[in-house]
Every structure is written in C-alpha cells, then in structure tokens.
Amino acid sequence: MTPGRVASVRFLPAASAEVEAAFLWYEEQRVGLGSEFLAAINDAVSHVVAWPEASPSVRQVDGIPVRRVPVSRFPYVLFYYRRQKLLRVVAVAHTRRRPRYWASRL
C-alpha cells in the first residue's frame, strides 16, 4: 500500500447503480430523504478518503484488503479497496440483503 493521499475515488458501475436505486427508493418514501442518503454516502466517502486504512478489512484480493465503512443513518455499507492513490468503491450494499453478493465483482 502506498502511503499518502487518495487522489481519486471511482465507483464500479454496479456500485453507482446501487446508489441510484437507493436514492430513488428513499426519495419515494419522503421527498428529500434521497438527498439525505446521498449526503451520507458523501460523508462515508470523505471518511475513507481521509483515513483509507482505518476501516476493517473483510477480505483480501491480490494482497489488497477490501474494507467496509458504514453509511450513517442508513442500513448501507460501502465496500472499497485502495490501490496506490485510487480508491475503488466495489459496492454500496444494504446490510440486511444478500451478504457478500458483491464479492464476484473483485
């Protein structure tokens, strides 16, 4: 792992689709709730950009730990890994649905 700042964050297309689907669902529940969800996602991303190695590792891929960080207020977790200065979000997973379904994305 290369120490230093994260230069960029990229979501896998499937992870972006998960954010979009959750946003739409929350927005249907209450106008503005989807925006609150997006703000919580942004806060989680900001946290991992600042401290990418602070979150617990859930598995290894080619010697690189895949980590998880919870999304505040919402039952979601971001799964990500860091390769040098790139932070890759693999999944934005609901905590009560299909555990480890995202592992095939690695």
PDB file of N, CA and C in Angstrom:
ATOM      1  N   MET A   1       0.843  -1.172   0.000  1.00  0.00           N
ATOM      2  CA  MET A   1       0.000   0.000   0.000  1.00  0.00           C
ATOM      3  C   MET A   1       0.882   1.227   0.000  1.00  0.00           C
ATOM      4  N   THR A   2       0.620   2.137  -0.892  1.00  0.00           N
ATOM      5  CA  THR A   2       1.384   3.364  -0.964  1.00  0.00           C
ATOM      6  C   THR A   2       0.792   4.378  -0.001  1.00  0.00           C
ATOM      7  N   PRO A   3       1.620   4.882   0.936  1.00  0.00           N
ATOM      8  CA  PRO A   3       1.081   5.885   1.851  1.00  0.00           C
ATOM      9  C   PRO A   3       0.797   7.188   1.117  1.00  0.00           C
ATOM     10  N   GLY A   4       0.047   8.045   1.733  1.00  0.00           N
ATOM     11  CA  GLY A   4      -0.264   9.336   1.130  1.00  0.00           C
ATOM     12  C   GLY A   4      -1.738   9.484   0.847  1.00  0.00           C
ATOM     13  N   ARG A   5      -2.043  10.591   0.237  1.00  0.00           N
ATOM     14  CA  ARG A   5      -3.443  10.924  -0.008  1.00  0.00           C
ATOM     15  C   ARG A   5      -4.043  10.122  -1.147  1.00  0.00           C
ATOM     16  N   VAL A   6      -5.330   9.945  -1.060  1.00  0.00           N
ATOM     17  CA  VAL A   6      -6.088   9.345  -2.161  1.00  0.00           C
ATOM     18  C   VAL A   6      -6.299  10.440  -3.194  1.00  0.00           C
ATOM     19  N   ALA A   7      -5.959  10.163  -4.440  1.00  0.00           N
ATOM     20  CA  ALA A   7      -6.080  11.166  -5.494  1.00  0.00           C
ATOM     21  C   ALA A   7      -7.439  11.119  -6.172  1.00  0.00           C
ATOM     22  N   SER A   8      -8.017   9.918  -6.276  1.00  0.00           N
ATOM     23  CA  SER A   8      -9.328   9.840  -6.920  1.00  0.00           C
ATOM     24  C   SER A   8     -10.140   8.692  -6.340  1.00  0.00           C
ATOM     25  N   VAL A   9     -11.451   8.855  -6.447  1.00  0.00           N
ATOM     26  CA  VAL A   9     -12.409   7.848  -5.990  1.00  0.00           C
ATOM     27  C   VAL A   9     -13.229   7.445  -7.200  1.00  0.00           C
ATOM     28  N   ARG A  10     -13.339   6.144  -7.413  1.00  0.00           N
ATOM     29  CA  ARG A  10     -14.151   5.647  -8.527  1.00  0.00           C
ATOM     30  C   ARG A  10     -15.095   4.570  -8.010  1.00  0.00           C
ATOM     31  N   PHE A  11     -16.335   4.660  -8.426  1.00  0.00           N
ATOM     32  CA  PHE A  11     -17.340   3.653  -8.113  1.00  0.00           C
ATOM     33  C   PHE A  11     -17.416   2.698  -9.297  1.00  0.00           C
ATOM     34  N   LEU A  12     -17.440   1.407  -9.017  1.00  0.00           N
ATOM     35  CA  LEU A  12     -17.761   0.470 -10.083  1.00  0.00           C
ATOM     36  C   LEU A  12     -19.163   0.822 -10.593  1.00  0.00           C
ATOM     37  N   PRO A  13     -19.455   0.565 -11.864  1.00  0.00           N
ATOM     38  CA  PRO A  13     -20.802   0.872 -12.371  1.00  0.00           C
ATOM     39  C   PRO A  13     -21.913   0.226 -11.535  1.00  0.00           C
ATOM     40  N   ALA A  14     -21.700  -0.989 -11.068  1.00  0.00           N
ATOM     41  CA  ALA A  14     -22.720  -1.657 -10.246  1.00  0.00           C
ATOM     42  C   ALA A  14     -22.920  -0.924  -8.919  1.00  0.00           C
ATOM     43  N   ALA A  15     -21.851  -0.397  -8.338  1.00  0.00           N
ATOM     44  CA  ALA A  15     -21.963   0.357  -7.088  1.00  0.00           C
ATOM     45  C   ALA A  15     -22.711   1.669  -7.322  1.00  0.00           C
ATOM     46  N   SER A  16     -22.431   2.321  -8.449  1.00  0.00           N
ATOM     47  CA  SER A  16     -23.171   3.547  -8.788  1.00  0.00           C
ATOM     48  C   SER A  16     -24.652   3.257  -8.968  1.00  0.00           C
ATOM     49  N   ALA A  17     -24.963   2.131  -9.591  1.00  0.00           N
ATOM     50  CA  ALA A  17     -26.364   1.738  -9.781  1.00  0.00           C
ATOM     51  C   ALA A  17     -27.043   1.489  -8.440  1.00  0.00           C
ATOM     52  N   GLU A  18     -26.304   0.926  -7.484  1.00  0.00           N
ATOM     53  CA  GLU A  18     -26.873   0.693  -6.149  1.00  0.00           C
ATOM     54  C   GLU A  18     -27.200   2.011  -5.460  1.00  0.00           C
ATOM     55  N   VAL A  19     -26.322   2.993  -5.596  1.00  0.00           N
ATOM     56  CA  VAL A  19     -26.578   4.315  -5.006  1.00  0.00           C
ATOM     57  C   VAL A  19     -27.818   4.930  -5.645  1.00  0.00           C
ATOM     58  N   GLU A  20     -27.887   4.852  -6.955  1.00  0.00           N
ATOM     59  CA  GLU A  20     -29.037   5.431  -7.681  1.00  0.00           C
ATOM     60  C   GLU A  20     -30.352   4.770  -7.258  1.00  0.00           C
ATOM     61  N   ALA A  21     -30.360   3.446  -7.181  1.00  0.00           N
ATOM     62  CA  ALA A  21     -31.589   2.728  -6.804  1.00  0.00           C
ATOM     63  C   ALA A  21     -32.016   3.090  -5.382  1.00  0.00           C
ATOM     64  N   ALA A  22     -31.058   3.160  -4.472  1.00  0.00           N
ATOM     65  CA  ALA A  22     -31.392   3.509  -3.090  1.00  0.00           C
ATOM     66  C   ALA A  22     -31.881   4.949  -3.005  1.00  0.00           C
ATOM     67  N   PHE A  23     -31.224   5.850  -3.731  1.00  0.00           N
ATOM     68  CA  PHE A  23     -31.663   7.247  -3.763  1.00  0.00           C
ATOM     69  C   PHE A  23     -33.122   7.338  -4.203  1.00  0.00           C
ATOM     70  N   LEU A  24     -33.461   6.674  -5.300  1.00  0.00           N
ATOM     71  CA  LEU A  24     -34.833   6.726  -5.816  1.00  0.00           C
ATOM     72  C   LEU A  24     -35.824   6.142  -4.822  1.00  0.00           C
ATOM     73  N   TRP A  25     -35.463   5.033  -4.182  1.00  0.00           N
ATOM     74  CA  TRP A  25     -36.361   4.409  -3.210  1.00  0.00           C
ATOM     75  C   TRP A  25     -36.592   5.349  -2.029  1.00  0.00           C
ATOM     76  N   TYR A  26     -35.515   5.919  -1.487  1.00  0.00           N
ATOM     77  CA  TYR A  26     -35.671   6.827  -0.345  1.00  0.00           C
ATOM     78  C   TYR A  26     -36.461   8.081  -0.736  1.00  0.00           C
ATOM     79  N   GLU A  27     -36.248   8.569  -1.939  1.00  0.00           N
ATOM     80  CA  GLU A  27     -36.966   9.760  -2.388  1.00  0.00           C
ATOM     81  C   GLU A  27     -38.467   9.476  -2.519  1.00  0.00           C
ATOM     82  N   GLU A  28     -38.824   8.242  -2.889  1.00  0.00           N
ATOM     83  CA  GLU A  28     -40.241   7.856  -2.941  1.00  0.00           C
ATOM     84  C   GLU A  28     -40.850   7.789  -1.550  1.00  0.00           C
ATOM     85  N   GLN A  29     -40.046   7.456  -0.566  1.00  0.00           N
ATOM     86  CA  GLN A  29     -40.554   7.349   0.799  1.00  0.00           C
ATOM     87  C   GLN A  29     -40.868   8.725   1.382  1.00  0.00           C
ATOM     88  N   ARG A  30     -39.972   9.667   1.114  1.00  0.00           N
ATOM     89  CA  ARG A  30     -40.155  11.043   1.587  1.00  0.00           C
ATOM     90  C   ARG A  30     -39.290  11.953   0.733  1.00  0.00           C
ATOM     91  N   VAL A  31     -39.870  12.978   0.179  1.00  0.00           N
ATOM     92  CA  VAL A  31     -39.110  13.930  -0.632  1.00  0.00           C
ATOM     93  C   VAL A  31     -37.985  14.512   0.230  1.00  0.00           C
ATOM     94  N   GLY A  32     -36.786  14.450  -0.310  1.00  0.00           N
ATOM     95  CA  GLY A  32     -35.616  14.953   0.405  1.00  0.00           C
ATOM     96  C   GLY A  32     -34.811  13.869   1.092  1.00  0.00           C
ATOM     97  N   LEU A  33     -35.445  12.720   1.374  1.00  0.00           N
ATOM     98  CA  LEU A  33     -34.728  11.637   2.048  1.00  0.00           C
ATOM     99  C   LEU A  33     -33.646  11.049   1.137  1.00  0.00           C
ATOM    100  N   GLY A  34     -33.908  11.015  -0.154  1.00  0.00           N
ATOM    101  CA  GLY A  34     -32.894  10.544  -1.098  1.00  0.00           C
ATOM    102  C   GLY A  34     -31.662  11.436  -1.064  1.00  0.00           C
ATOM    103  N   SER A  35     -31.872  12.733  -0.971  1.00  0.00           N
ATOM    104  CA  SER A  35     -30.745  13.670  -0.877  1.00  0.00           C
ATOM    105  C   SER A  35     -29.985  13.482   0.426  1.00  0.00           C
ATOM    106  N   GLU A  36     -30.701  13.162   1.495  1.00  0.00           N
ATOM    107  CA  GLU A  36     -30.033  12.877   2.768  1.00  0.00           C
ATOM    108  C   GLU A  36     -29.183  11.611   2.648  1.00  0.00           C
ATOM    109  N   PHE A  37     -29.688  10.632   1.918  1.00  0.00           N
ATOM    110  CA  PHE A  37     -28.924   9.410   1.675  1.00  0.00           C
ATOM    111  C   PHE A  37     -27.646   9.734   0.901  1.00  0.00           C
ATOM    112  N   LEU A  38     -27.754  10.534  -0.153  1.00  0.00           N
ATOM    113  CA  LEU A  38     -26.567  10.907  -0.927  1.00  0.00           C
ATOM    114  C   LEU A  38     -25.556  11.663  -0.073  1.00  0.00           C
ATOM    115  N   ALA A  39     -26.030  12.526   0.811  1.00  0.00           N
ATOM    116  CA  ALA A  39     -25.127  13.249   1.709  1.00  0.00           C
ATOM    117  C   ALA A  39     -24.405  12.278   2.636  1.00  0.00           C
ATOM    118  N   ALA A  40     -25.117  11.259   3.113  1.00  0.00           N
ATOM    119  CA  ALA A  40     -24.489  10.254   3.980  1.00  0.00           C
ATOM    120  C   ALA A  40     -23.452   9.434   3.211  1.00  0.00           C
ATOM    121  N   ILE A  41     -23.748   9.127   1.947  1.00  0.00           N
ATOM    122  CA  ILE A  41     -22.772   8.432   1.098  1.00  0.00           C
ATOM    123  C   ILE A  41     -21.531   9.304   0.932  1.00  0.00           C
ATOM    124  N   ASN A  42     -21.728  10.578   0.653  1.00  0.00           N
ATOM    125  CA  ASN A  42     -20.597  11.502   0.502  1.00  0.00           C
ATOM    126  C   ASN A  42     -19.776  11.597   1.773  1.00  0.00           C
ATOM    127  N   ASP A  43     -20.442  11.601   2.929  1.00  0.00           N
ATOM    128  CA  ASP A  43     -19.720  11.627   4.205  1.00  0.00           C
ATOM    129  C   ASP A  43     -18.879  10.365   4.382  1.00  0.00           C
ATOM    130  N   ALA A  44     -19.432   9.215   4.022  1.00  0.00           N
ATOM    131  CA  ALA A  44     -18.687   7.955   4.143  1.00  0.00           C
ATOM    132  C   ALA A  44     -17.474   7.964   3.215  1.00  0.00           C
ATOM    133  N   VAL A  45     -17.661   8.452   1.993  1.00  0.00           N
ATOM    134  CA  VAL A  45     -16.543   8.536   1.048  1.00  0.00           C
ATOM    135  C   VAL A  45     -15.485   9.495   1.576  1.00  0.00           C
ATOM    136  N   SER A  46     -15.895  10.632   2.102  1.00  0.00           N
ATOM    137  CA  SER A  46     -14.941  11.589   2.666  1.00  0.00           C
ATOM    138  C   SER A  46     -14.142  10.960   3.799  1.00  0.00           C
ATOM    139  N   HIS A  47     -14.816  10.163   4.614  1.00  0.00           N
ATOM    140  CA  HIS A  47     -14.139   9.477   5.715  1.00  0.00           C
ATOM    141  C   HIS A  47     -13.053   8.537   5.190  1.00  0.00           C
ATOM    142  N   VAL A  48     -13.383   7.729   4.178  1.00  0.00           N
ATOM    143  CA  VAL A  48     -12.389   6.773   3.690  1.00  0.00           C
ATOM    144  C   VAL A  48     -11.292   7.456   2.883  1.00  0.00           C
ATOM    145  N   VAL A  49     -11.574   8.593   2.279  1.00  0.00           N
ATOM    146  CA  VAL A  49     -10.515   9.351   1.601  1.00  0.00           C
ATOM    147  C   VAL A  49      -9.517   9.858   2.644  1.00  0.00           C
ATOM    148  N   ALA A  50     -10.028  10.347   3.763  1.00  0.00           N
ATOM    149  CA  ALA A  50      -9.159  10.872   4.819  1.00  0.00           C
ATOM    150  C   ALA A  50      -8.402   9.770   5.554  1.00  0.00           C
ATOM    151  N   TRP A  51      -9.059   8.641   5.790  1.00  0.00           N
ATOM    152  CA  TRP A  51      -8.453   7.535   6.542  1.00  0.00           C
ATOM    153  C   TRP A  51      -8.734   6.207   5.841  1.00  0.00           C
ATOM    154  N   PRO A  52      -8.129   5.956   4.706  1.00  0.00           N
ATOM    155  CA  PRO A  52      -8.468   4.766   3.910  1.00  0.00           C
ATOM    156  C   PRO A  52      -8.144   3.433   4.575  1.00  0.00           C
ATOM    157  N   GLU A  53      -7.181   3.414   5.478  1.00  0.00           N
ATOM    158  CA  GLU A  53      -6.827   2.151   6.124  1.00  0.00           C
ATOM    159  C   GLU A  53      -7.484   1.978   7.491  1.00  0.00           C
ATOM    160  N   ALA A  54      -8.309   2.918   7.908  1.00  0.00           N
ATOM    161  CA  ALA A  54      -8.906   2.871   9.244  1.00  0.00           C
ATOM    162  C   ALA A  54     -10.058   1.875   9.366  1.00  0.00           C
ATOM    163  N   SER A  55     -10.736   1.606   8.285  1.00  0.00           N
ATOM    164  CA  SER A  55     -11.889   0.708   8.332  1.00  0.00           C
ATOM    165  C   SER A  55     -11.435  -0.745   8.339  1.00  0.00           C
ATOM    166  N   PRO A  56     -12.243  -1.631   8.920  1.00  0.00           N
ATOM    167  CA  PRO A  56     -11.843  -3.041   8.989  1.00  0.00           C
ATOM    168  C   PRO A  56     -11.823  -3.726   7.623  1.00  0.00           C
ATOM    169  N   SER A  57     -10.868  -4.608   7.478  1.00  0.00           N
ATOM    170  CA  SER A  57     -10.750  -5.409   6.265  1.00  0.00           C
ATOM    171  C   SER A  57     -11.687  -6.604   6.358  1.00  0.00           C
ATOM    172  N   VAL A  58     -12.380  -6.910   5.247  1.00  0.00           N
ATOM    173  CA  VAL A  58     -13.305  -8.043   5.246  1.00  0.00           C
ATOM    174  C   VAL A  58     -12.799  -9.196   4.395  1.00  0.00           C
ATOM    175  N   ARG A  59     -11.842  -8.917   3.492  1.00  0.00           N
ATOM    176  CA  ARG A  59     -11.207  -9.954   2.693  1.00  0.00           C
ATOM    177  C   ARG A  59     -10.020  -9.360   1.967  1.00  0.00           C
ATOM    178  N   GLN A  60      -9.219 -10.211   1.343  1.00  0.00           N
ATOM    179  CA  GLN A  60      -8.049  -9.786   0.582  1.00  0.00           C
ATOM    180  C   GLN A  60      -8.237 -10.153  -0.887  1.00  0.00           C
ATOM    181  N   VAL A  61      -7.800  -9.273  -1.770  1.00  0.00           N
ATOM    182  CA  VAL A  61      -7.796  -9.545  -3.208  1.00  0.00           C
ATOM    183  C   VAL A  61      -6.408  -9.179  -3.709  1.00  0.00           C
ATOM    184  N   ASP A  62      -5.674 -10.174  -4.178  1.00  0.00           N
ATOM    185  CA  ASP A  62      -4.307  -9.950  -4.645  1.00  0.00           C
ATOM    186  C   ASP A  62      -3.480  -9.207  -3.600  1.00  0.00           C
ATOM    187  N   GLY A  63      -3.668  -9.556  -2.354  1.00  0.00           N
ATOM    188  CA  GLY A  63      -2.914  -8.935  -1.271  1.00  0.00           C
ATOM    189  C   GLY A  63      -3.409  -7.569  -0.848  1.00  0.00           C
ATOM    190  N   ILE A  64      -4.476  -7.094  -1.454  1.00  0.00           N
ATOM    191  CA  ILE A  64      -5.023  -5.780  -1.115  1.00  0.00           C
ATOM    192  C   ILE A  64      -6.286  -5.984  -0.291  1.00  0.00           C
ATOM    193  N   PRO A  65      -6.355  -5.355   0.885  1.00  0.00           N
ATOM    194  CA  PRO A  65      -7.555  -5.535   1.708  1.00  0.00           C
ATOM    195  C   PRO A  65      -8.765  -4.797   1.149  1.00  0.00           C
ATOM    196  N   VAL A  66      -9.887  -5.497   1.124  1.00  0.00           N
ATOM    197  CA  VAL A  66     -11.174  -4.873   0.829  1.00  0.00           C
ATOM    198  C   VAL A  66     -11.769  -4.502   2.184  1.00  0.00           C
ATOM    199  N   ARG A  67     -12.153  -3.255   2.314  1.00  0.00           N
ATOM    200  CA  ARG A  67     -12.617  -2.738   3.606  1.00  0.00           C
ATOM    201  C   ARG A  67     -14.084  -2.326   3.519  1.00  0.00           C
ATOM    202  N   ARG A  68     -14.668  -2.125   4.684  1.00  0.00           N
ATOM    203  CA  ARG A  68     -16.068  -1.709   4.760  1.00  0.00           C
ATOM    204  C   ARG A  68     -16.193  -0.520   5.691  1.00  0.00           C
ATOM    205  N   VAL A  69     -17.075   0.383   5.319  1.00  0.00           N
ATOM    206  CA  VAL A  69     -17.382   1.517   6.180  1.00  0.00           C
ATOM    207  C   VAL A  69     -18.898   1.704   6.167  1.00  0.00           C
ATOM    208  N   PRO A  70     -19.509   1.841   7.347  1.00  0.00           N
ATOM    209  CA  PRO A  70     -20.961   2.025   7.386  1.00  0.00           C
ATOM    210  C   PRO A  70     -21.360   3.425   6.906  1.00  0.00           C
ATOM    211  N   VAL A  71     -22.569   3.510   6.404  1.00  0.00           N
ATOM    212  CA  VAL A  71     -23.162   4.781   5.991  1.00  0.00           C
ATOM    213  C   VAL A  71     -24.045   5.243   7.150  1.00  0.00           C
ATOM    214  N   SER A  72     -23.749   6.409   7.690  1.00  0.00           N
ATOM    215  CA  SER A  72     -24.505   6.927   8.836  1.00  0.00           C
ATOM    216  C   SER A  72     -25.986   7.065   8.513  1.00  0.00           C
ATOM    217  N   ARG A  73     -26.815   6.682   9.495  1.00  0.00           N
ATOM    218  CA  ARG A  73     -28.273   6.824   9.441  1.00  0.00           C
ATOM    219  C   ARG A  73     -28.986   5.865   8.509  1.00  0.00           C
ATOM    220  N   PHE A  74     -28.271   5.164   7.652  1.00  0.00           N
ATOM    221  CA  PHE A  74     -28.894   4.295   6.670  1.00  0.00           C
ATOM    222  C   PHE A  74     -28.286   2.896   6.774  1.00  0.00           C
ATOM    223  N   PRO A  75     -29.073   1.865   6.480  1.00  0.00           N
ATOM    224  CA  PRO A  75     -28.569   0.489   6.617  1.00  0.00           C
ATOM    225  C   PRO A  75     -27.733   0.054   5.404  1.00  0.00           C
ATOM    226  N   TYR A  76     -26.700   0.826   5.116  1.00  0.00           N
ATOM    227  CA  TYR A  76     -25.824   0.542   3.979  1.00  0.00           C
ATOM    228  C   TYR A  76     -24.373   0.554   4.419  1.00  0.00           C
ATOM    229  N   VAL A  77     -23.564  -0.161   3.644  1.00  0.00           N
ATOM    230  CA  VAL A  77     -22.127  -0.235   3.874  1.00  0.00           C
ATOM    231  C   VAL A  77     -21.433  -0.037   2.533  1.00  0.00           C
ATOM    232  N   LEU A  78     -20.355   0.747   2.528  1.00  0.00           N
ATOM    233  CA  LEU A  78     -19.508   0.868   1.344  1.00  0.00           C
ATOM    234  C   LEU A  78     -18.389  -0.155   1.468  1.00  0.00           C
ATOM    235  N   PHE A  79     -18.206  -0.957   0.433  1.00  0.00           N
ATOM    236  CA  PHE A  79     -17.066  -1.861   0.350  1.00  0.00           C
ATOM    237  C   PHE A  79     -16.098  -1.247  -0.655  1.00  0.00           C
ATOM    238  N   TYR A  80     -14.837  -1.138  -0.268  1.00  0.00           N
ATOM    239  CA  TYR A  80     -13.865  -0.459  -1.113  1.00  0.00           C
ATOM    240  C   TYR A  80     -12.475  -1.049  -0.920  1.00  0.00           C
ATOM    241  N   TYR A  81     -11.611  -0.730  -1.851  1.00  0.00           N
ATOM    242  CA  TYR A  81     -10.197  -1.036  -1.678  1.00  0.00           C
ATOM    243  C   TYR A  81      -9.389   0.135  -2.210  1.00  0.00           C
ATOM    244  N   ARG A  82      -8.156   0.192  -1.768  1.00  0.00           N
ATOM    245  CA  ARG A  82      -7.255   1.251  -2.206  1.00  0.00           C
ATOM    246  C   ARG A  82      -6.065   0.617  -2.903  1.00  0.00           C
ATOM    247  N   ARG A  83      -5.794   1.092  -4.079  1.00  0.00           N
ATOM    248  CA  ARG A  83      -4.611   0.664  -4.823  1.00  0.00           C
ATOM    249  C   ARG A  83      -3.852   1.945  -5.164  1.00  0.00           C
ATOM    250  N   GLN A  84      -2.748   2.128  -4.476  1.00  0.00           N
ATOM    251  CA  GLN A  84      -1.941   3.346  -4.562  1.00  0.00           C
ATOM    252  C   GLN A  84      -2.815   4.535  -4.225  1.00  0.00           C
ATOM    253  N   LYS A  85      -3.029   5.449  -5.147  1.00  0.00           N
ATOM    254  CA  LYS A  85      -3.796   6.661  -4.824  1.00  0.00           C
ATOM    255  C   LYS A  85      -5.234   6.617  -5.328  1.00  0.00           C
ATOM    256  N   LEU A  86      -5.662   5.439  -5.794  1.00  0.00           N
ATOM    257  CA  LEU A  86      -7.029   5.256  -6.277  1.00  0.00           C
ATOM    258  C   LEU A  86      -7.840   4.505  -5.233  1.00  0.00           C
ATOM    259  N   LEU A  87      -8.985   5.046  -4.887  1.00  0.00           N
ATOM    260  CA  LEU A  87      -9.928   4.369  -4.006  1.00  0.00           C
ATOM    261  C   LEU A  87     -11.078   3.892  -4.879  1.00  0.00           C
ATOM    262  N   ARG A  88     -11.319   2.580  -4.886  1.00  0.00           N
ATOM    263  CA  ARG A  88     -12.359   1.986  -5.731  1.00  0.00           C
ATOM    264  C   ARG A  88     -13.485   1.481  -4.851  1.00  0.00           C
ATOM    265  N   VAL A  89     -14.699   2.014  -5.052  1.00  0.00           N
ATOM    266  CA  VAL A  89     -15.879   1.545  -4.320  1.00  0.00           C
ATOM    267  C   VAL A  89     -16.463   0.387  -5.122  1.00  0.00           C
ATOM    268  N   VAL A  90     -16.477  -0.781  -4.495  1.00  0.00           N
ATOM    269  CA  VAL A  90     -16.921  -2.016  -5.139  1.00  0.00           C
ATOM    270  C   VAL A  90     -18.429  -2.187  -5.022  1.00  0.00           C
ATOM    271  N   ALA A  91     -18.982  -1.801  -3.874  1.00  0.00           N
ATOM    272  CA  ALA A  91     -20.418  -1.996  -3.642  1.00  0.00           C
ATOM    273  C   ALA A  91     -20.919  -1.001  -2.603  1.00  0.00           C
ATOM    274  N   VAL A  92     -22.181  -0.662  -2.725  1.00  0.00           N
ATOM    275  CA  VAL A  92     -22.915   0.088  -1.713  1.00  0.00           C
ATOM    276  C   VAL A  92     -24.060  -0.848  -1.350  1.00  0.00           C
ATOM    277  N   ALA A  93     -23.813  -1.656  -0.324  1.00  0.00           N
ATOM    278  CA  ALA A  93     -24.673  -2.797  -0.025  1.00  0.00           C
ATOM    279  C   ALA A  93     -25.589  -2.533   1.163  1.00  0.00           C
ATOM    280  N   HIS A  94     -26.832  -2.949   1.013  1.00  0.00           N
ATOM    281  CA  HIS A  94     -27.783  -2.922   2.122  1.00  0.00           C
ATOM    282  C   HIS A  94     -27.329  -3.972   3.131  1.00  0.00           C
ATOM    283  N   THR A  95     -27.365  -3.623   4.404  1.00  0.00           N
ATOM    284  CA  THR A  95     -26.831  -4.527   5.432  1.00  0.00           C
ATOM    285  C   THR A  95     -27.700  -5.750   5.700  1.00  0.00           C
ATOM    286  N   ARG A  96     -28.945  -5.749   5.227  1.00  0.00           N
ATOM    287  CA  ARG A  96     -29.839  -6.875   5.515  1.00  0.00           C
ATOM    288  C   ARG A  96     -30.212  -7.676   4.278  1.00  0.00           C
ATOM    289  N   ARG A  97     -29.455  -7.492   3.210  1.00  0.00           N
ATOM    290  CA  ARG A  97     -29.771  -8.211   1.971  1.00  0.00           C
ATOM    291  C   ARG A  97     -28.534  -8.896   1.419  1.00  0.00           C
ATOM    292  N   ARG A  98     -28.692 -10.075   0.917  1.00  0.00           N
ATOM    293  CA  ARG A  98     -27.679 -10.813   0.169  1.00  0.00           C
ATOM    294  C   ARG A  98     -26.235 -10.571   0.616  1.00  0.00           C
ATOM    295  N   PRO A  99     -25.833 -11.104   1.732  1.00  0.00           N
ATOM    296  CA  PRO A  99     -24.459 -10.875   2.179  1.00  0.00           C
ATOM    297  C   PRO A  99     -23.434 -11.383   1.163  1.00  0.00           C
ATOM    298  N   ARG A 100     -22.413 -10.609   0.983  1.00  0.00           N
ATOM    299  CA  ARG A 100     -21.255 -10.931   0.133  1.00  0.00           C
ATOM    300  C   ARG A 100     -21.571 -11.132  -1.346  1.00  0.00           C
ATOM    301  N   TYR A 101     -22.730 -10.711  -1.816  1.00  0.00           N
ATOM    302  CA  TYR A 101     -23.051 -10.822  -3.237  1.00  0.00           C
ATOM    303  C   TYR A 101     -22.019 -10.061  -4.084  1.00  0.00           C
ATOM    304  N   TRP A 102     -21.467  -9.020  -3.539  1.00  0.00           N
ATOM    305  CA  TRP A 102     -20.539  -8.140  -4.243  1.00  0.00           C
ATOM    306  C   TRP A 102     -19.176  -8.779  -4.479  1.00  0.00           C
ATOM    307  N   ALA A 103     -18.860  -9.862  -3.794  1.00  0.00           N
ATOM    308  CA  ALA A 103     -17.528 -10.468  -3.884  1.00  0.00           C
ATOM    309  C   ALA A 103     -17.182 -10.887  -5.315  1.00  0.00           C
ATOM    310  N   SER A 104     -18.173 -11.210  -6.109  1.00  0.00           N
ATOM    311  CA  SER A 104     -17.905 -11.614  -7.504  1.00  0.00           C
ATOM    312  C   SER A 104     -17.426 -10.428  -8.342  1.00  0.00           C
ATOM    313  N   ARG A 105     -17.533  -9.213  -7.841  1.00  0.00           N
ATOM    314  CA  ARG A 105     -17.080  -8.027  -8.574  1.00  0.00           C
ATOM    315  C   ARG A 105     -15.565  -7.816  -8.487  1.00  0.00           C
ATOM    316  N   LEU A 106     -14.928  -8.560  -7.611  1.00  0.00           N
ATOM    317  CA  LEU A 106     -13.490  -8.356  -7.398  1.00  0.00           C
ATOM    318  C   LEU A 106     -12.641  -9.106  -8.401  1.00  0.00           C
TER     319      LEU A 106
END
